Amino acid sequence: MGSGSRVFPCRASSLPFIVPSFTSSTQLSFKSFLTRTTSLSPTAFTLHRMASTSSSSPTNSNDINPPAPSSSNDVAPPSASSAIDFLTLCHRLKTTKRAGWVLKGVQNPESIADHMYRMGVMALIASDIPGIDRDKCVKMAIVHDMAEAIVGDITPSDGISKAEKSRREREALDHMCKLLGGGSRAKEIGELWMEYEENSSSEAKIVKDFDKVEMILQALEYENEQGMDLDEFFQSTAGKFQTEVGKAWASEIASRRKQG
C-alpha cells in the first residue's frame, strides 16, 4: 500500500504459491516457495520460471523496460479469448484484500481493486492542471497495481529490495500483457505502469500522490467506522506528497481527522 513510503500491501489467499507470508518467522523466498509447489498451473509455471531468474544481483530500475507486445505496429484489439483470460486474472484484484488493513485487524477491508477504483475517481474529479492529461491519469490509476494480481504486494518486512520488487512486478506485468495477446493495448498498459513505477512524468507524480491520499482517506474512514488508531498510515505519508493537489487533499483529510 502506498508508493515510495512505508507500505502495508496485500496478499491473495488464492495465490499461496506466490505470496510472501505475513510474519518474518515464516517468510519464504519467492523461488523456494514455488519450487516446493506441486501441480503448477500454466500461470504458476510461468511464475516459477520468472522466480528462477537470479535475484542475487541488484536490478537497476533504469534497466527495466516496459513489457513489449509482439509487434509495436500491431493495433488490433485483443481477441475475445485473450481478453477474457486477462480479465479472469484481474479478478484476483477484486478478491485480494489489502494487507495493511488485514494486519491491523480491520473488519471487511478493501481490495486492491477498491483502492485503484477510487484513485481513478480522484483523477477524474481533480481540477484541470495545465499540461496534465486527465485521461492518462485515470488509466495510470487503474494500471499501477495491476501486477499484484500475480505477485501480491511486497512489504519492507519481507526483506526484498526495491529493485527486486520492481523486477518481479515487471515480469508479472509482462506475463499479463502476453496473456492479453500483445498489441497496442498491452503496449499502453506496460508503458503506463513503467511511467508510474519510475515517477517519470507529471501524471505519474499526481497519481502517486493519489495513491497516498486514497490510503489515508481509507485509514480515516476505518478509524471513524471501527474506532481504530491507524496513525502509522498517516505518518508513513507525511511530507511525501509531490503535487499541490496531493498536498491540498491530504491537508483536508488531516484537518477532518483532528476535528473527528
Protein backbone atom coordinates (compact mmCIF):
# COMPACT_ATOMS: atom_id res chain seq x y z
CA MET A 1 0.00 0.00 0.00
CA GLY A 2 1.36 3.37 -0.96
CA SER A 3 4.32 4.20 -3.13
CA GLY A 4 7.75 5.29 -2.04
CA SER A 5 6.66 5.45 1.58
CA ARG A 6 6.24 2.68 4.07
CA VAL A 7 3.58 0.40 2.73
CA PHE A 8 1.31 -2.30 4.05
CA PRO A 9 0.19 -4.19 0.98
CA CYS A 10 -1.93 -7.23 0.49
CA ARG A 11 -1.68 -10.85 -0.43
CA ALA A 12 -4.14 -13.06 -2.15
CA SER A 13 -5.18 -16.09 -0.18
CA SER A 14 -5.95 -17.69 -3.52
CA LEU A 15 -2.28 -17.39 -4.53
CA PRO A 16 -0.34 -19.36 -1.94
CA PHE A 17 2.39 -20.18 -4.42
CA ILE A 18 3.45 -16.57 -4.95
CA VAL A 19 2.56 -14.63 -1.85
CA PRO A 20 5.09 -13.89 0.92
CA SER A 21 3.93 -14.75 4.41
CA PHE A 22 2.73 -12.13 6.88
CA THR A 23 5.32 -12.84 9.58
CA SER A 24 9.06 -12.73 9.36
CA SER A 25 9.35 -16.06 11.17
CA THR A 26 7.60 -17.84 8.33
CA GLN A 27 8.86 -15.87 5.37
CA LEU A 28 9.68 -17.96 2.33
CA SER A 29 11.53 -16.78 -0.70
CA PHE A 30 9.58 -16.41 -3.93
CA LYS A 31 11.77 -19.00 -5.60
CA SER A 32 11.85 -21.65 -2.87
CA PHE A 33 8.12 -21.46 -2.24
CA LEU A 34 7.43 -22.04 -5.91
CA THR A 35 9.90 -24.87 -6.04
CA ARG A 36 8.02 -26.74 -3.33
CA THR A 37 4.70 -26.22 -5.10
CA THR A 38 3.30 -29.26 -6.83
CA SER A 39 0.88 -29.45 -9.75
CA LEU A 40 1.73 -25.98 -11.01
CA SER A 41 -0.81 -24.34 -13.27
CA PRO A 42 0.43 -22.76 -16.53
CA THR A 43 0.46 -19.36 -14.83
CA ALA A 44 2.33 -20.76 -11.84
CA PHE A 45 4.81 -22.44 -14.15
CA THR A 46 5.47 -19.11 -15.84
CA LEU A 47 6.00 -17.52 -12.44
CA HIS A 48 8.32 -20.35 -11.45
CA ARG A 49 10.48 -19.53 -14.41
CA MET A 50 10.29 -15.83 -13.55
CA ALA A 51 11.41 -16.51 -10.00
CA SER A 52 14.26 -18.71 -11.15
CA THR A 53 15.98 -15.68 -12.64
CA SER A 54 18.85 -14.76 -10.38
CA SER A 55 17.74 -12.27 -7.77
CA SER A 56 21.12 -12.01 -6.09
CA SER A 57 22.29 -9.24 -8.45
CA PRO A 58 20.56 -5.92 -7.81
CA THR A 59 18.36 -4.69 -10.62
CA ASN A 60 18.73 -1.12 -11.75
CA SER A 61 15.27 0.34 -12.36
CA ASN A 62 16.68 2.12 -15.39
CA ASP A 63 17.38 -1.25 -16.95
CA ILE A 64 13.74 -2.28 -16.73
CA ASN A 65 11.84 -1.79 -19.97
CA PRO A 66 8.06 -1.75 -20.25
CA PRO A 67 6.55 -5.06 -21.35
CA ALA A 68 6.72 -5.17 -25.12
CA PRO A 69 3.96 -6.54 -27.36
CA SER A 70 4.72 -8.92 -30.18
CA SER A 71 4.70 -6.01 -32.61
CA SER A 72 4.73 -2.31 -31.86
CA ASN A 73 2.77 -1.73 -35.06
CA ASP A 74 0.04 -4.17 -34.12
CA VAL A 75 -3.07 -2.08 -33.43
CA ALA A 76 -5.56 -4.95 -33.49
CA PRO A 77 -7.61 -5.33 -30.30
CA PRO A 78 -7.12 -8.47 -28.22
CA SER A 79 -9.13 -11.49 -29.23
CA ALA A 80 -12.17 -12.41 -27.17
CA SER A 81 -10.27 -15.39 -25.73
CA SER A 82 -7.24 -13.28 -24.76
CA ALA A 83 -9.41 -10.56 -23.28
CA ILE A 84 -11.36 -12.97 -21.07
CA ASP A 85 -8.16 -14.74 -19.97
CA PHE A 86 -6.71 -11.36 -18.97
CA LEU A 87 -9.87 -10.22 -17.19
CA THR A 88 -10.12 -13.52 -15.33
CA LEU A 89 -6.62 -12.98 -13.96
CA CYS A 90 -7.58 -9.41 -12.99
CA HIS A 91 -10.42 -10.89 -10.91
CA ARG A 92 -7.79 -11.53 -8.24
CA LEU A 93 -7.52 -7.77 -7.79
CA LYS A 94 -11.18 -7.75 -6.71
CA THR A 95 -10.83 -10.57 -4.20
CA THR A 96 -7.42 -9.80 -2.70
CA LYS A 97 -7.65 -7.73 0.48
CA ARG A 98 -5.11 -5.01 1.18
CA ALA A 99 -2.77 -6.48 3.77
CA GLY A 100 -2.10 -3.33 5.72
CA TRP A 101 -5.69 -3.37 6.89
CA VAL A 102 -5.68 -7.11 7.42
CA LEU A 103 -2.60 -6.91 9.61
CA LYS A 104 -4.22 -4.17 11.68
CA GLY A 105 -7.36 -6.25 12.19
CA VAL A 106 -9.69 -4.08 10.09
CA GLN A 107 -13.03 -5.75 9.54
CA ASN A 108 -14.04 -6.29 5.91
CA PRO A 109 -11.00 -4.47 4.47
CA GLU A 110 -10.89 -3.11 0.96
CA SER A 111 -9.46 -4.99 -2.00
CA ILE A 112 -6.74 -3.87 -4.40
CA ALA A 113 -9.44 -3.10 -6.97
CA ASP A 114 -11.35 -0.99 -4.45
CA HIS A 115 -8.22 1.08 -3.89
CA MET A 116 -7.47 1.54 -7.60
CA TYR A 117 -11.08 2.41 -8.41
CA ARG A 118 -11.22 5.36 -6.01
CA MET A 119 -7.84 6.53 -7.27
CA GLY A 120 -9.35 6.57 -10.77
CA VAL A 121 -12.25 8.66 -9.47
CA MET A 122 -9.76 11.05 -7.87
CA ALA A 123 -8.08 11.55 -11.24
CA LEU A 124 -11.48 12.09 -12.84
CA ILE A 125 -12.68 14.81 -10.44
CA ALA A 126 -9.40 16.68 -9.83
CA SER A 127 -9.22 20.25 -11.12
CA ASP A 128 -7.72 20.77 -14.54
CA ILE A 129 -3.98 21.37 -14.44
CA PRO A 130 -2.24 22.86 -17.49
CA GLY A 131 -0.16 20.25 -19.27
CA ILE A 132 -1.71 17.30 -17.39
CA ASP A 133 -3.53 14.59 -19.35
CA ARG A 134 -6.53 13.67 -17.19
CA ASP A 135 -7.37 10.54 -19.18
CA LYS A 136 -3.81 9.32 -18.78
CA CYS A 137 -4.05 9.79 -15.01
CA VAL A 138 -7.26 7.75 -14.87
CA LYS A 139 -5.65 4.96 -16.89
CA MET A 140 -2.49 5.02 -14.80
CA ALA A 141 -4.53 4.71 -11.60
CA ILE A 142 -6.20 1.59 -12.98
CA VAL A 143 -2.89 0.06 -14.10
CA HIS A 144 -0.47 0.96 -11.30
CA ASP A 145 -1.16 -2.05 -9.01
CA MET A 146 -2.21 -4.47 -11.75
CA ALA A 147 0.84 -6.75 -11.32
CA GLU A 148 -0.35 -7.51 -7.79
CA ALA A 149 -2.86 -9.89 -9.36
CA ILE A 150 0.14 -12.22 -9.68
CA VAL A 151 2.84 -11.23 -7.18
CA GLY A 152 0.76 -9.69 -4.42
CA ASP A 153 2.13 -6.70 -2.55
CA ILE A 154 5.60 -6.92 -1.09
CA THR A 155 6.27 -5.10 2.17
CA PRO A 156 9.56 -3.90 3.67
CA SER A 157 9.23 -6.62 6.32
CA ASP A 158 9.61 -9.23 3.57
CA GLY A 159 13.28 -8.26 3.25
CA ILE A 160 13.06 -7.76 -0.50
CA SER A 161 14.86 -4.83 -2.10
CA LYS A 162 13.03 -2.19 -4.07
CA ALA A 163 14.87 -3.27 -7.22
CA GLU A 164 13.90 -6.92 -6.75
CA LYS A 165 10.29 -5.96 -6.03
CA SER A 166 10.24 -3.93 -9.23
CA ARG A 167 11.73 -6.82 -11.20
CA ARG A 168 9.10 -9.26 -10.01
CA GLU A 169 6.27 -6.86 -10.72
CA ARG A 170 7.64 -6.02 -14.15
CA GLU A 171 7.87 -9.69 -15.10
CA ALA A 172 4.38 -10.32 -13.75
CA LEU A 173 3.02 -7.46 -15.85
CA ASP A 174 4.93 -8.77 -18.85
CA HIS A 175 3.17 -12.11 -18.37
CA MET A 176 -0.20 -10.34 -18.18
CA CYS A 177 0.49 -8.37 -21.35
CA LYS A 178 1.40 -11.57 -23.17
CA LEU A 179 -1.79 -13.15 -21.86
CA LEU A 180 -3.66 -10.22 -23.40
CA GLY A 181 -2.07 -11.12 -26.72
CA GLY A 182 0.35 -8.23 -27.07
CA GLY A 183 -0.60 -5.41 -29.42
CA SER A 184 -1.34 -1.76 -28.75
CA ARG A 185 -3.42 -2.29 -25.61
CA ALA A 186 -0.72 -4.36 -23.93
CA LYS A 187 1.92 -1.83 -25.00
CA GLU A 188 -0.09 1.01 -23.44
CA ILE A 189 -0.52 -0.89 -20.17
CA GLY A 190 3.19 -1.62 -19.98
CA GLU A 191 4.16 1.98 -20.71
CA LEU A 192 1.71 3.39 -18.16
CA TRP A 193 2.97 1.00 -15.48
CA MET A 194 6.61 1.84 -16.16
CA GLU A 195 5.94 5.56 -16.19
CA TYR A 196 4.29 5.28 -12.79
CA GLU A 197 6.99 2.97 -11.45
CA GLU A 198 9.75 5.40 -12.45
CA ASN A 199 7.79 8.51 -11.39
CA SER A 200 8.92 9.91 -14.72
CA SER A 201 6.09 12.29 -15.64
CA SER A 202 3.84 14.91 -14.11
CA GLU A 203 0.94 12.48 -14.42
CA ALA A 204 2.88 9.82 -12.52
CA LYS A 205 3.60 12.26 -9.70
CA ILE A 206 -0.07 13.14 -9.39
CA VAL A 207 -1.17 9.50 -9.42
CA LYS A 208 1.46 8.60 -6.82
CA ASP A 209 0.00 11.33 -4.63
CA PHE A 210 -3.49 9.93 -5.21
CA ASP A 211 -2.17 6.54 -4.08
CA LYS A 212 -1.18 8.05 -0.73
CA VAL A 213 -4.27 10.23 -0.45
CA GLU A 214 -6.56 7.27 -1.03
CA MET A 215 -4.76 5.28 1.64
CA ILE A 216 -5.02 7.94 4.34
CA LEU A 217 -8.63 8.70 3.44
CA GLN A 218 -9.39 4.99 3.83
CA ALA A 219 -7.49 4.97 7.12
CA LEU A 220 -9.61 7.87 8.39
CA GLU A 221 -12.78 6.07 7.38
CA TYR A 222 -11.73 2.90 9.21
CA GLU A 223 -10.82 4.94 12.29
CA ASN A 224 -14.26 6.56 12.30
CA GLU A 225 -16.19 3.40 11.50
CA GLN A 226 -14.33 0.90 13.65
CA GLY A 227 -12.80 3.00 16.43
CA MET A 228 -9.23 2.14 15.43
CA ASP A 229 -5.95 4.00 15.71
CA LEU A 230 -4.26 3.90 12.30
CA ASP A 231 -1.83 6.76 12.85
CA GLU A 232 1.08 4.85 11.32
CA PHE A 233 -0.53 5.15 7.90
CA PHE A 234 -0.64 8.92 8.22
CA GLN A 235 2.92 9.05 9.49
CA SER A 236 4.16 6.95 6.56
CA THR A 237 2.97 9.57 4.06
CA ALA A 238 3.81 12.75 5.97
CA GLY A 239 5.88 15.17 3.90
CA LYS A 240 5.94 12.87 0.86
CA PHE A 241 3.33 14.49 -1.37
CA GLN A 242 4.77 15.86 -4.62
CA THR A 243 1.91 17.92 -6.06
CA GLU A 244 -0.31 20.78 -4.98
CA VAL A 245 -3.47 18.74 -5.37
CA GLY A 246 -1.98 15.91 -3.32
CA LYS A 247 -0.88 18.28 -0.57
CA ALA A 248 -4.25 20.06 -0.50
CA TRP A 249 -6.30 16.86 -0.29
CA ALA A 250 -4.00 15.33 2.32
CA SER A 251 -4.28 18.52 4.38
CA GLU A 252 -8.07 18.37 4.21
CA ILE A 253 -8.06 14.76 5.40
CA ALA A 254 -5.70 15.63 8.27
CA SER A 255 -7.95 18.55 9.25
CA ARG A 256 -11.05 16.34 9.34
CA ARG A 257 -9.17 13.77 11.40
CA LYS A 258 -8.33 16.37 14.04
CA GLN A 259 -11.94 17.53 14.15
CA GLY A 260 -13.23 13.99 14.48
